[in-house]
């Protein structure tokens, strides 16, 4: 092996020789005073027999030791986890068999409940947790301790309560969440439960405070079930040992304490709603957790409130409804509406003074034709049908009444209260639709899909696609401003869209909200349809 190099002659010494610790052979450089030209010196390296031991200062020895040291200390090559390795897709037969064997396909009469069951059957570890902790959870929530599948028959959704209650407590920080069917089942219950709570409090506060605007009600809801207050309710119901089995909840930091409490709280009410309905949601909220709407820490901030000079319905005058009144109320047999008290809380009785105005004659028939109203109802007395259609027409007029028109004289004569309940019911209806449509999707994916479908710009666009935005009643000043800037109109179209859903819920119930969202407005069209 031959190495050659050229060196610049040193001018500081006449004749110097040096030996480096890196080269075994001395390198000599000579300075010729008579001939200052550069000379090329060749350095020869002799290969050493590898069988013989190399000198200590040999570069080959140093390189060899360095290679051995790297081989000993370098980490072993890590292979990717199995879940990231591409696998061949399941064939149609195996895929169909997996879905048919899933508990999610077992309940044909309760499709929403069936979609929230775990995607595979519970294993030994799941049943071990249920045997150890489920009785404590039932006792804290006020339920009988016997197994739900033995108490109830196949035609009762409460038969699946034990399974859903188990899933509700498996928040992302616990050990059982590593199993895919547990993690996905908990996240789907959590996704549903948040909208159940929002609708329950919206209905309750609308009936309890018939003269308030939605802004104070939203502050009351946040004061009761805001993220910071949920650990307090978990401890009030003695559930902290199930949520934090290895830690003292009071000693945890806020960022470690609040997310698990929020996950369990939302998922718990998703399970209760699926098995027992909305009345049981109210009972657990106000009896088990002990929530007080009049508590000082959940009162709204003081603001300038417009004086309500109009009268309210007789059943709201002079008293505040309790949660028992809201939860246990059943409409009479010949009631005009699916939720008559909620309708009266949103549509003031004085709305009848607007019967026969210009909008009632010119715009209402076109709006009702576009929305498919009135629906065919079988009433024993024709007067009931006629009265319902009159109230429906007044509610539609209120839905299209912009706050700029009559709010300063009559604060409740605008669509704000109908918009509030409509926003909550459309969130719940869309959540139920996504759960039944995507039975294998985790809750985080459903949440993102839900948010994209119900974005404000989409809700307003659905209304404009049906050419209903031209029927909104504005004041003259606002109308002039909107004519110069069309984008100012977009929040109003979104609010009218949500108010229509609130009216449909109070008059005809949740099925009519589904009809409006998925048949009339087609809420799942993210992009405009091709002409």
Protein backbone atom coordinates (compact mmCIF):
# COMPACT_ATOMS: atom_id res chain seq x y z
CA UNK A 1 0.00 0.00 0.00
CA UNK A 2 1.46 3.37 -1.04
CA UNK A 3 0.55 6.75 0.35
CA UNK A 4 1.83 9.92 -1.22
CA UNK A 5 1.45 13.48 -0.07
CA UNK A 6 3.07 16.86 -0.64
CA UNK A 7 4.13 19.09 2.22
CA UNK A 8 4.89 22.78 2.23
CA UNK A 9 8.51 23.35 3.29
CA UNK A 10 8.94 24.78 6.73
CA UNK A 11 10.93 28.02 6.88
CA UNK A 12 11.40 28.17 10.63
CA UNK A 13 13.98 25.43 11.03
CA UNK A 14 16.82 24.19 8.85
CA UNK A 15 16.62 20.57 9.71
CA UNK A 16 13.96 19.23 11.98
CA UNK A 17 12.63 15.77 12.44
CA UNK A 18 9.58 14.75 14.41
CA UNK A 19 7.83 11.56 15.21
CA UNK A 20 4.08 11.56 15.69
CA UNK A 21 2.15 9.25 17.88
CA UNK A 22 -0.01 8.46 14.88
CA UNK A 23 2.76 7.44 12.48
CA UNK A 24 5.40 4.85 13.39
CA UNK A 25 7.99 6.15 10.92
CA UNK A 26 9.73 9.48 11.32
CA UNK A 27 8.99 12.12 8.75
CA UNK A 28 11.96 14.34 7.79
CA UNK A 29 11.76 17.59 5.87
CA UNK A 30 14.88 19.37 4.49
CA UNK A 31 15.21 23.00 3.53
CA UNK A 32 17.49 23.73 0.61
CA UNK A 33 18.62 27.38 0.70
CA UNK A 34 19.99 27.34 -2.83
CA UNK A 35 16.89 25.91 -4.54
CA UNK A 36 13.68 27.33 -3.03
CA UNK A 37 11.39 25.32 -5.30
CA UNK A 38 9.02 22.81 -3.74
CA UNK A 39 9.83 19.14 -3.75
CA UNK A 40 7.39 16.27 -3.61
CA UNK A 41 8.22 13.79 -0.88
CA UNK A 42 6.69 10.36 -0.97
CA UNK A 43 5.97 8.55 2.24
CA UNK A 44 5.87 4.81 2.12
CA UNK A 45 3.76 2.75 4.57
CA UNK A 46 4.50 -0.90 4.94
CA UNK A 47 1.56 -3.23 5.60
CA UNK A 48 1.94 -5.16 8.80
CA UNK A 49 1.07 -8.82 9.04
CA UNK A 50 -2.33 -9.01 10.76
CA UNK A 51 -1.23 -12.16 12.58
CA UNK A 52 1.38 -10.23 14.51
CA UNK A 53 0.42 -7.89 17.32
CA UNK A 54 0.30 -4.27 16.22
CA UNK A 55 2.29 -1.57 18.04
CA UNK A 56 0.44 0.49 20.62
CA UNK A 57 0.64 3.70 18.62
CA UNK A 58 -0.28 2.07 15.33
CA UNK A 59 -3.22 3.72 13.49
CA UNK A 60 -4.47 0.30 12.38
CA UNK A 61 -4.62 -0.79 16.01
CA UNK A 62 -6.49 2.35 17.00
CA UNK A 63 -9.00 1.93 14.17
CA UNK A 64 -9.51 -1.71 15.08
CA UNK A 65 -10.18 -0.86 18.75
CA UNK A 66 -12.57 1.91 17.73
CA UNK A 67 -14.53 -0.49 15.49
CA UNK A 68 -14.77 -3.06 18.30
CA UNK A 69 -15.94 -0.39 20.75
CA UNK A 70 -18.62 0.83 18.34
CA UNK A 71 -19.79 -2.73 17.77
CA UNK A 72 -20.16 -3.23 21.53
CA UNK A 73 -21.88 0.05 22.38
CA UNK A 74 -24.06 0.75 19.35
CA UNK A 75 -27.75 -0.11 19.91
CA UNK A 76 -29.22 -3.05 18.17
CA UNK A 77 -31.32 -2.41 15.12
CA UNK A 78 -34.93 -1.81 16.18
CA UNK A 79 -37.63 -3.43 14.15
CA UNK A 80 -40.93 -1.54 13.77
CA UNK A 81 -43.86 -2.68 15.94
CA UNK A 82 -46.12 -5.24 14.38
CA UNK A 83 -49.05 -2.85 14.19
CA UNK A 84 -47.09 -0.61 11.79
CA UNK A 85 -46.09 -3.39 9.43
CA UNK A 86 -48.33 -3.47 6.40
CA UNK A 87 -50.55 -6.51 6.45
CA UNK A 88 -52.53 -7.91 3.58
CA UNK A 89 -56.17 -6.83 3.78
CA UNK A 90 -58.75 -9.29 4.99
CA UNK A 91 -60.74 -10.98 2.28
CA UNK A 92 -64.46 -10.30 2.11
CA UNK A 93 -65.46 -13.53 3.79
CA UNK A 94 -63.21 -13.08 6.83
CA UNK A 95 -64.15 -9.43 7.12
CA UNK A 96 -67.85 -10.23 7.03
CA UNK A 97 -67.35 -12.98 9.60
CA UNK A 98 -65.54 -10.60 11.95
CA UNK A 99 -68.36 -8.05 11.76
CA UNK A 100 -71.08 -10.65 12.20
CA UNK A 101 -69.39 -12.08 15.30
CA UNK A 102 -69.02 -8.62 16.83
CA UNK A 103 -71.39 -7.69 19.69
CA UNK A 104 -72.08 -4.46 17.79
CA UNK A 105 -74.24 -6.42 15.35
CA UNK A 106 -76.23 -8.26 18.02
CA UNK A 107 -78.96 -5.72 18.89
CA UNK A 108 -81.15 -5.13 15.85
CA UNK A 109 -83.84 -3.23 17.78
CA UNK A 110 -81.34 -0.81 19.41
CA UNK A 111 -78.92 0.22 16.66
CA UNK A 112 -77.42 3.16 18.58
CA UNK A 113 -76.83 1.06 21.70
CA UNK A 114 -75.41 -1.75 19.59
CA UNK A 115 -72.94 0.59 17.89
CA UNK A 116 -71.50 1.63 21.28
CA UNK A 117 -70.80 -1.92 22.48
CA UNK A 118 -67.17 -3.18 22.28
CA UNK A 119 -66.15 -4.46 18.86
CA UNK A 120 -65.16 -7.87 20.27
CA UNK A 121 -66.32 -9.94 23.21
CA UNK A 122 -64.96 -9.14 26.65
CA UNK A 123 -62.01 -11.29 27.66
CA UNK A 124 -60.86 -12.63 31.03
CA UNK A 125 -59.06 -9.41 32.02
CA UNK A 126 -62.19 -7.36 31.32
CA UNK A 127 -64.38 -9.63 33.40
CA UNK A 128 -61.82 -9.59 36.22
CA UNK A 129 -62.06 -5.79 36.42
CA UNK A 130 -65.86 -5.98 36.40
CA UNK A 131 -65.90 -8.49 39.25
CA UNK A 132 -63.55 -6.37 41.32
CA UNK A 133 -64.80 -2.80 40.78
CA UNK A 134 -68.25 -2.81 39.14
CA UNK A 135 -70.18 -3.32 42.38
CA UNK A 136 -68.50 -0.26 43.88
CA UNK A 137 -69.44 1.84 40.85
CA UNK A 138 -73.07 0.69 40.95
CA UNK A 139 -73.35 1.39 44.66
CA UNK A 140 -71.96 4.90 44.19
CA UNK A 141 -74.41 5.64 41.36
CA UNK A 142 -77.41 4.18 43.20
CA UNK A 143 -78.11 1.09 41.08
CA UNK A 144 -78.93 -2.46 42.26
CA UNK A 145 -75.87 -4.63 42.68
CA UNK A 146 -77.13 -7.65 40.74
CA UNK A 147 -75.97 -8.21 37.17
CA UNK A 148 -77.92 -6.25 34.56
CA UNK A 149 -78.10 -9.15 32.08
CA UNK A 150 -80.01 -11.16 34.73
CA UNK A 151 -82.38 -8.35 35.78
CA UNK A 152 -83.54 -7.27 32.33
CA UNK A 153 -84.76 -9.08 29.25
CA UNK A 154 -83.49 -8.92 25.70
CA UNK A 155 -86.01 -6.21 24.77
CA UNK A 156 -84.64 -3.82 27.42
CA UNK A 157 -81.55 -1.72 26.61
CA UNK A 158 -80.56 -1.72 30.30
CA UNK A 159 -79.38 -5.32 29.86
CA UNK A 160 -76.10 -3.97 28.46
CA UNK A 161 -75.55 -1.51 31.31
CA UNK A 162 -72.77 -3.51 33.01
CA UNK A 163 -70.73 -3.63 29.81
CA UNK A 164 -71.16 0.07 29.07
CA UNK A 165 -70.45 1.02 32.68
CA UNK A 166 -67.20 -0.95 32.51
CA UNK A 167 -66.20 0.85 29.30
CA UNK A 168 -67.02 4.24 30.81
CA UNK A 169 -64.34 3.91 33.51
CA UNK A 170 -61.53 2.84 31.15
CA UNK A 171 -60.05 6.27 30.51
CA UNK A 172 -56.90 6.58 28.34
CA UNK A 173 -54.53 6.64 31.34
CA UNK A 174 -55.54 3.23 32.73
CA UNK A 175 -54.09 -0.18 31.92
CA UNK A 176 -57.09 -1.75 30.18
CA UNK A 177 -57.08 0.93 27.48
CA UNK A 178 -54.27 -0.90 25.69
CA UNK A 179 -56.87 -3.34 24.39
CA UNK A 180 -58.33 -1.98 21.15
CA UNK A 181 -61.96 -2.90 21.83
CA UNK A 182 -61.83 -1.21 25.26
CA UNK A 183 -60.12 1.94 24.00
CA UNK A 184 -62.48 2.37 21.06
CA UNK A 185 -65.59 1.60 23.12
CA UNK A 186 -64.69 4.17 25.79
CA UNK A 187 -63.93 6.89 23.24
CA UNK A 188 -67.24 6.34 21.47
CA UNK A 189 -69.17 6.64 24.76
CA UNK A 190 -67.21 9.78 25.58
CA UNK A 191 -68.06 11.22 22.16
CA UNK A 192 -71.79 10.68 22.72
CA UNK A 193 -71.91 11.71 26.39
CA UNK A 194 -70.71 15.29 25.91
CA UNK A 195 -73.68 16.10 23.63
CA UNK A 196 -76.13 14.34 25.94
CA UNK A 197 -75.04 16.59 28.81
CA UNK A 198 -75.23 19.74 26.70
CA UNK A 199 -78.80 18.96 25.54
CA UNK A 200 -79.95 18.00 29.04
CA UNK A 201 -78.79 21.30 30.55
CA UNK A 202 -80.11 23.32 27.60
CA UNK A 203 -83.62 21.92 28.08
CA UNK A 204 -83.43 22.34 31.85
CA UNK A 205 -82.23 25.95 31.92
CA UNK A 206 -84.56 27.06 29.10
CA UNK A 207 -87.53 25.95 31.21
CA UNK A 208 -86.10 27.10 34.55
CA UNK A 209 -85.22 30.63 33.36
CA UNK A 210 -87.85 31.49 30.71
CA UNK A 211 -86.81 35.17 30.46
CA UNK A 212 -83.03 34.73 30.16
CA UNK A 213 -81.03 34.88 26.97
CA UNK A 214 -78.82 31.88 26.07
CA UNK A 215 -75.58 33.66 27.09
CA UNK A 216 -76.18 33.39 30.89
CA UNK A 217 -77.38 29.80 30.41
CA UNK A 218 -74.14 28.82 28.70
CA UNK A 219 -72.22 30.32 31.61
CA UNK A 220 -74.31 28.33 34.08
CA UNK A 221 -73.62 25.11 32.18
CA UNK A 222 -69.89 25.86 32.11
CA UNK A 223 -69.95 26.61 35.83
CA UNK A 224 -71.51 23.21 36.53
CA UNK A 225 -69.75 20.85 34.12
CA UNK A 226 -66.70 22.81 33.07
CA UNK A 227 -63.44 20.90 32.86
CA UNK A 228 -62.13 22.39 36.13
CA UNK A 229 -65.18 21.32 38.14
CA UNK A 230 -65.47 17.70 36.99
CA UNK A 231 -62.94 16.26 39.52
CA UNK A 232 -65.06 17.84 42.26
CA UNK A 233 -68.16 15.94 41.05
CA UNK A 234 -66.21 12.70 40.71
CA UNK A 235 -65.15 13.01 44.35
CA UNK A 236 -68.66 14.02 45.46
CA UNK A 237 -69.99 10.71 44.08
CA UNK A 238 -67.11 8.70 45.69
CA UNK A 239 -65.84 7.52 42.31
CA UNK A 240 -62.25 8.80 42.70
CA UNK A 241 -60.91 5.36 43.67
CA UNK A 242 -62.17 3.94 40.38
CA UNK A 243 -60.82 6.76 38.24
CA UNK A 244 -57.48 7.08 40.11
CA UNK A 245 -56.94 3.64 41.70
CA UNK A 246 -53.22 4.17 42.44
CA UNK A 247 -53.08 7.91 43.21
CA UNK A 248 -54.55 10.38 45.64
CA UNK A 249 -56.66 12.66 43.46
CA UNK A 250 -56.10 15.71 45.68
CA UNK A 251 -52.32 15.46 45.34
CA UNK A 252 -52.31 15.23 41.54
CA UNK A 253 -51.58 18.24 39.40
CA UNK A 254 -54.48 19.81 37.57
CA UNK A 255 -53.34 18.65 34.12
CA UNK A 256 -53.09 15.07 35.48
CA UNK A 257 -56.42 15.18 37.31
CA UNK A 258 -58.78 16.88 34.86
CA UNK A 259 -58.46 14.81 31.63
CA UNK A 260 -59.28 11.41 33.23
CA UNK A 261 -62.17 12.95 35.19
CA UNK A 262 -63.58 14.53 32.03
CA UNK A 263 -63.31 11.28 30.03
CA UNK A 264 -65.04 9.19 32.70
CA UNK A 265 -67.73 11.81 33.38
CA UNK A 266 -68.74 12.17 29.72
CA UNK A 267 -68.59 8.44 28.98
CA UNK A 268 -70.63 7.68 32.10
CA UNK A 269 -73.55 9.80 30.91
CA UNK A 270 -73.27 8.35 27.44
CA UNK A 271 -73.83 4.89 28.96
CA UNK A 272 -76.71 6.08 31.18
CA UNK A 273 -78.44 7.79 28.24
CA UNK A 274 -78.21 4.66 26.07
CA UNK A 275 -79.63 2.36 28.74
CA UNK A 276 -82.13 4.48 30.69
CA UNK A 277 -82.80 7.66 28.72
CA UNK A 278 -82.76 11.35 29.60
CA UNK A 279 -84.76 11.19 32.91
CA UNK A 280 -82.05 9.01 34.44
CA UNK A 281 -79.41 11.49 33.26
CA UNK A 282 -81.15 14.19 35.32
CA UNK A 283 -81.40 11.92 38.37
CA UNK A 284 -77.70 11.08 38.38
CA UNK A 285 -76.72 14.71 37.78
CA UNK A 286 -78.76 16.21 40.61
CA UNK A 287 -79.11 13.33 43.09
CA UNK A 288 -75.87 11.37 42.82
CA UNK A 289 -73.49 14.22 41.97
CA UNK A 290 -75.53 16.80 43.88
CA UNK A 291 -75.37 19.65 41.37
CA UNK A 292 -76.99 22.90 42.49
CA UNK A 293 -78.00 25.38 39.76
CA UNK A 294 -78.22 28.16 42.37
CA UNK A 295 -74.67 27.70 43.67
CA UNK A 296 -72.60 30.87 43.76
CA UNK A 297 -69.70 29.51 41.70
CA UNK A 298 -71.90 28.74 38.68
CA UNK A 299 -73.84 32.00 38.46
CA UNK A 300 -73.42 34.05 35.28
CA UNK A 301 -71.61 37.35 35.37
CA UNK A 302 -73.67 40.52 35.70
CA UNK A 303 -74.52 42.17 32.41
CA UNK A 304 -76.98 44.65 31.03
CA UNK A 305 -80.16 42.69 30.53
CA UNK A 306 -82.96 44.03 28.37
CA UNK A 307 -86.17 44.38 30.31
CA UNK A 308 -88.65 41.73 29.28
CA UNK A 309 -91.98 43.55 29.11
CA UNK A 310 -93.91 40.60 27.69
CA UNK A 311 -95.58 37.89 29.69
CA UNK A 312 -94.51 34.26 29.72
CA UNK A 313 -96.55 31.10 29.67
CA UNK A 314 -98.70 30.45 32.74
CA UNK A 315 -96.77 27.35 33.82
CA UNK A 316 -93.54 29.39 34.10
CA UNK A 317 -95.02 32.42 35.86
CA UNK A 318 -93.86 32.93 39.42
CA UNK A 319 -91.93 29.68 39.96
CA UNK A 320 -88.68 27.96 39.01
CA UNK A 321 -89.05 24.44 37.74
CA UNK A 322 -86.96 21.78 39.48
CA UNK A 323 -85.15 18.96 37.73
CA UNK A 324 -87.90 16.54 38.81
CA UNK A 325 -90.44 18.62 36.90
CA UNK A 326 -88.29 18.65 33.77
CA UNK A 327 -87.33 14.96 33.94
CA UNK A 328 -90.71 13.49 34.89
CA UNK A 329 -92.89 15.66 32.66
CA UNK A 330 -94.94 13.72 30.11
CA UNK A 331 -97.05 15.53 27.52
CA UNK A 332 -100.77 14.79 27.61
CA UNK A 333 -102.24 12.36 25.14
CA UNK A 334 -103.61 15.03 22.79
CA UNK A 335 -100.67 17.43 23.14
CA UNK A 336 -99.86 19.68 20.22
CA UNK A 337 -96.12 19.15 20.49
CA UNK A 338 -93.55 16.53 21.31
CA UNK A 339 -92.11 18.87 23.99
CA UNK A 340 -94.90 21.34 24.80
CA UNK A 341 -93.26 23.01 27.80
CA UNK A 342 -90.00 23.45 25.92
CA UNK A 343 -91.93 24.95 23.00
CA UNK A 344 -93.61 27.47 25.33
CA UNK A 345 -90.22 28.31 26.83
CA UNK A 346 -88.84 29.19 23.38
CA UNK A 347 -91.90 30.60 21.56
CA UNK A 348 -93.58 33.27 23.73
CA UNK A 349 -97.39 33.32 23.84
CA UNK A 350 -97.39 36.90 22.53
CA UNK A 351 -96.21 35.58 19.17
CA UNK A 352 -99.89 35.26 18.23
CA UNK A 353 -100.01 39.04 17.67
CA UNK A 354 -98.02 38.42 14.45
CA UNK A 355 -100.68 36.20 12.90
CA UNK A 356 -101.83 37.49 9.53
CA UNK A 357 -98.92 39.83 8.84
CA UNK A 358 -97.22 40.14 5.44
CA UNK A 359 -94.61 37.46 6.13
CA UNK A 360 -97.35 35.06 7.25
CA UNK A 361 -99.12 35.41 3.90
CA UNK A 362 -96.22 35.73 1.47
CA UNK A 363 -93.24 33.83 2.89
CA UNK A 364 -94.59 31.16 5.24
CA UNK A 365 -96.24 28.97 2.54
CA UNK A 366 -92.98 28.85 0.56
CA UNK A 367 -90.92 28.01 3.66
CA UNK A 368 -93.33 25.26 4.71
CA UNK A 369 -93.32 23.79 1.22
CA UNK A 370 -89.52 23.70 1.10
CA UNK A 371 -89.28 22.09 4.56
CA UNK A 372 -92.11 19.61 3.92
CA UNK A 373 -94.48 21.01 6.55
CA UNK A 374 -96.98 20.28 7.93
CA UNK A 375 -96.27 16.62 8.60
CA UNK A 376 -99.10 14.13 8.46
CA UNK A 377 -100.32 13.49 12.02
CA UNK A 378 -103.20 11.29 13.15
CA UNK A 379 -105.20 13.32 15.64
CA UNK A 380 -108.57 12.36 17.06
CA UNK A 381 -109.88 15.93 16.78
CA UNK A 382 -109.30 18.05 13.64
CA UNK A 383 -109.01 21.19 15.79
CA UNK A 384 -105.81 19.79 17.32
CA UNK A 385 -104.24 19.48 13.87
CA UNK A 386 -105.28 23.01 12.96
CA UNK A 387 -103.93 24.42 16.25
CA UNK A 388 -100.61 22.64 15.74
CA UNK A 389 -100.24 24.08 12.25
CA UNK A 390 -100.95 27.59 13.58
CA UNK A 391 -98.31 27.23 16.29
CA UNK A 392 -95.88 25.76 13.76
CA UNK A 393 -96.36 28.78 11.49
CA UNK A 394 -95.70 31.17 14.37
CA UNK A 395 -92.60 29.21 15.31
CA UNK A 396 -91.33 29.37 11.73
CA UNK A 397 -91.87 33.14 11.71
CA UNK A 398 -89.87 33.38 14.95
CA UNK A 399 -87.07 31.27 13.40
CA UNK A 400 -86.65 33.82 10.60
CA UNK A 401 -86.93 36.87 12.87
CA UNK A 402 -83.49 38.46 13.14
CA UNK A 403 -82.66 39.98 16.59
CA UNK A 404 -82.31 43.41 15.00
CA UNK A 405 -86.07 43.62 14.40
CA UNK A 406 -87.93 43.30 17.72
CA UNK A 407 -85.37 42.30 20.36
CA UNK A 408 -84.94 45.76 21.90
CA UNK A 409 -88.69 46.06 22.50
CA UNK A 410 -89.37 42.37 23.26
CA UNK A 411 -86.15 40.47 24.12
CA UNK A 412 -87.59 36.99 23.59
CA UNK A 413 -88.97 37.78 20.13
CA UNK A 414 -85.99 36.47 18.18
CA UNK A 415 -84.60 33.05 17.37
CA UNK A 416 -81.89 32.98 20.08
CA UNK A 417 -83.58 30.48 22.41
CA UNK A 418 -84.66 28.22 19.54
CA UNK A 419 -81.13 28.49 18.16
CA UNK A 420 -79.69 27.39 21.51
CA UNK A 421 -81.72 24.20 21.77
CA UNK A 422 -81.40 23.59 18.03
CA UNK A 423 -77.62 23.65 18.17
CA UNK A 424 -77.62 21.04 20.96
CA UNK A 425 -80.11 18.71 19.31
CA UNK A 426 -78.36 18.82 15.95
CA UNK A 427 -75.06 17.97 17.68
CA UNK A 428 -76.66 14.94 19.35
CA UNK A 429 -78.46 13.76 16.20
CA UNK A 430 -75.30 14.00 14.12
CA UNK A 431 -73.31 12.16 16.81
CA UNK A 432 -75.86 9.32 16.82
CA UNK A 433 -75.79 9.13 13.02
CA UNK A 434 -72.00 8.91 12.90
CA UNK A 435 -71.90 6.24 15.62
CA UNK A 436 -74.35 4.05 13.71
CA UNK A 437 -72.72 4.69 10.34
CA UNK A 438 -69.08 4.07 11.39
CA UNK A 439 -69.24 1.25 13.92
CA UNK A 440 -65.50 0.55 13.76
CA UNK A 441 -64.26 4.15 14.13
CA UNK A 442 -62.71 5.49 17.35
CA UNK A 443 -64.22 8.48 19.08
CA UNK A 444 -61.44 10.89 18.11
CA UNK A 445 -62.05 10.27 14.41
CA UNK A 446 -65.79 10.69 14.92
CA UNK A 447 -65.22 13.95 16.78
CA UNK A 448 -63.21 15.37 13.90
CA UNK A 449 -65.81 14.24 11.37
CA UNK A 450 -68.59 15.71 13.50
CA UNK A 451 -66.84 19.06 13.74
CA UNK A 452 -66.27 19.27 9.99
CA UNK A 453 -69.88 18.43 9.12
CA UNK A 454 -71.36 21.00 11.51
CA UNK A 455 -69.03 23.92 10.87
CA UNK A 456 -70.86 27.22 10.87
CA UNK A 457 -70.04 28.00 7.27
CA UNK A 458 -71.56 24.68 6.21
CA UNK A 459 -74.75 25.12 8.26
CA UNK A 460 -75.40 28.50 6.70
CA UNK A 461 -74.62 27.17 3.24
CA UNK A 462 -77.16 24.36 3.60
CA UNK A 463 -79.83 26.97 4.25
CA UNK A 464 -78.72 29.08 1.27
CA UNK A 465 -78.75 26.03 -1.01
CA UNK A 466 -82.50 25.81 -0.39
CA UNK A 467 -82.85 29.58 -1.09
CA UNK A 468 -84.36 30.18 2.36
CA UNK A 469 -82.02 33.02 3.33
CA UNK A 470 -84.15 35.56 1.45
CA UNK A 471 -87.03 35.03 3.92
CA UNK A 472 -85.09 36.26 6.98
CA UNK A 473 -86.63 39.41 8.49
CA UNK A 474 -84.05 42.15 9.22
CA UNK A 475 -84.37 45.70 10.38
CA UNK A 476 -83.94 48.36 7.72
CA UNK A 477 -80.51 49.42 8.95
CA UNK A 478 -79.17 45.84 9.03
CA UNK A 479 -80.72 45.09 5.66
CA UNK A 480 -78.83 48.02 4.09
CA UNK A 481 -75.56 46.86 5.65
CA UNK A 482 -76.05 43.29 4.38
CA UNK A 483 -76.74 44.47 0.86
CA UNK A 484 -73.30 46.09 0.76
CA UNK A 485 -71.49 43.13 2.39
CA UNK A 486 -72.97 39.71 1.81
CA UNK A 487 -70.63 37.98 4.27
CA UNK A 488 -72.23 39.76 7.19
CA UNK A 489 -75.31 37.66 6.51
CA UNK A 490 -73.56 34.30 7.05
CA UNK A 491 -73.87 34.14 10.89
CA UNK A 492 -77.58 34.90 10.56
CA UNK A 493 -78.15 32.04 8.09
CA UNK A 494 -76.34 29.66 10.45
CA UNK A 495 -78.50 30.79 13.38
CA UNK A 496 -81.72 30.35 11.38
CA UNK A 497 -80.61 26.86 10.38
CA UNK A 498 -80.14 25.87 14.02
CA UNK A 499 -83.39 27.55 15.09
CA UNK A 500 -85.28 25.44 12.54
CA UNK A 501 -83.87 22.30 14.14
CA UNK A 502 -84.88 23.55 17.58
CA UNK A 503 -88.44 24.17 16.38
CA UNK A 504 -88.61 20.74 14.72
CA UNK A 505 -87.47 19.13 17.99
CA UNK A 506 -90.04 20.91 20.15
CA UNK A 507 -92.97 20.36 17.76
CA UNK A 508 -92.38 16.92 16.24
CA UNK A 509 -89.47 15.46 18.19
CA UNK A 510 -86.09 14.04 17.27
CA UNK A 511 -87.26 12.09 14.15
CA UNK A 512 -88.16 15.36 12.43
CA UNK A 513 -84.70 16.77 13.21
CA UNK A 514 -83.20 13.73 11.46
CA UNK A 515 -85.50 14.31 8.49
CA UNK A 516 -84.46 17.94 8.15
CA UNK A 517 -80.75 17.25 8.54
CA UNK A 518 -80.38 14.23 6.29
CA UNK A 519 -83.27 14.47 3.84
CA UNK A 520 -84.12 18.15 3.40
CA UNK A 521 -80.73 19.82 3.90
CA UNK A 522 -78.49 16.76 3.36
CA UNK A 523 -75.95 17.62 6.04
CA UNK A 524 -73.43 15.04 4.87
CA UNK A 525 -72.62 16.82 1.62
CA UNK A 526 -69.31 18.40 2.49
CA UNK A 527 -68.86 19.67 -1.06
CA UNK A 528 -71.64 21.20 -3.16
CA UNK A 529 -73.44 18.76 -5.40
CA UNK A 530 -72.70 18.78 -9.11
CA UNK A 531 -75.29 20.63 -11.16
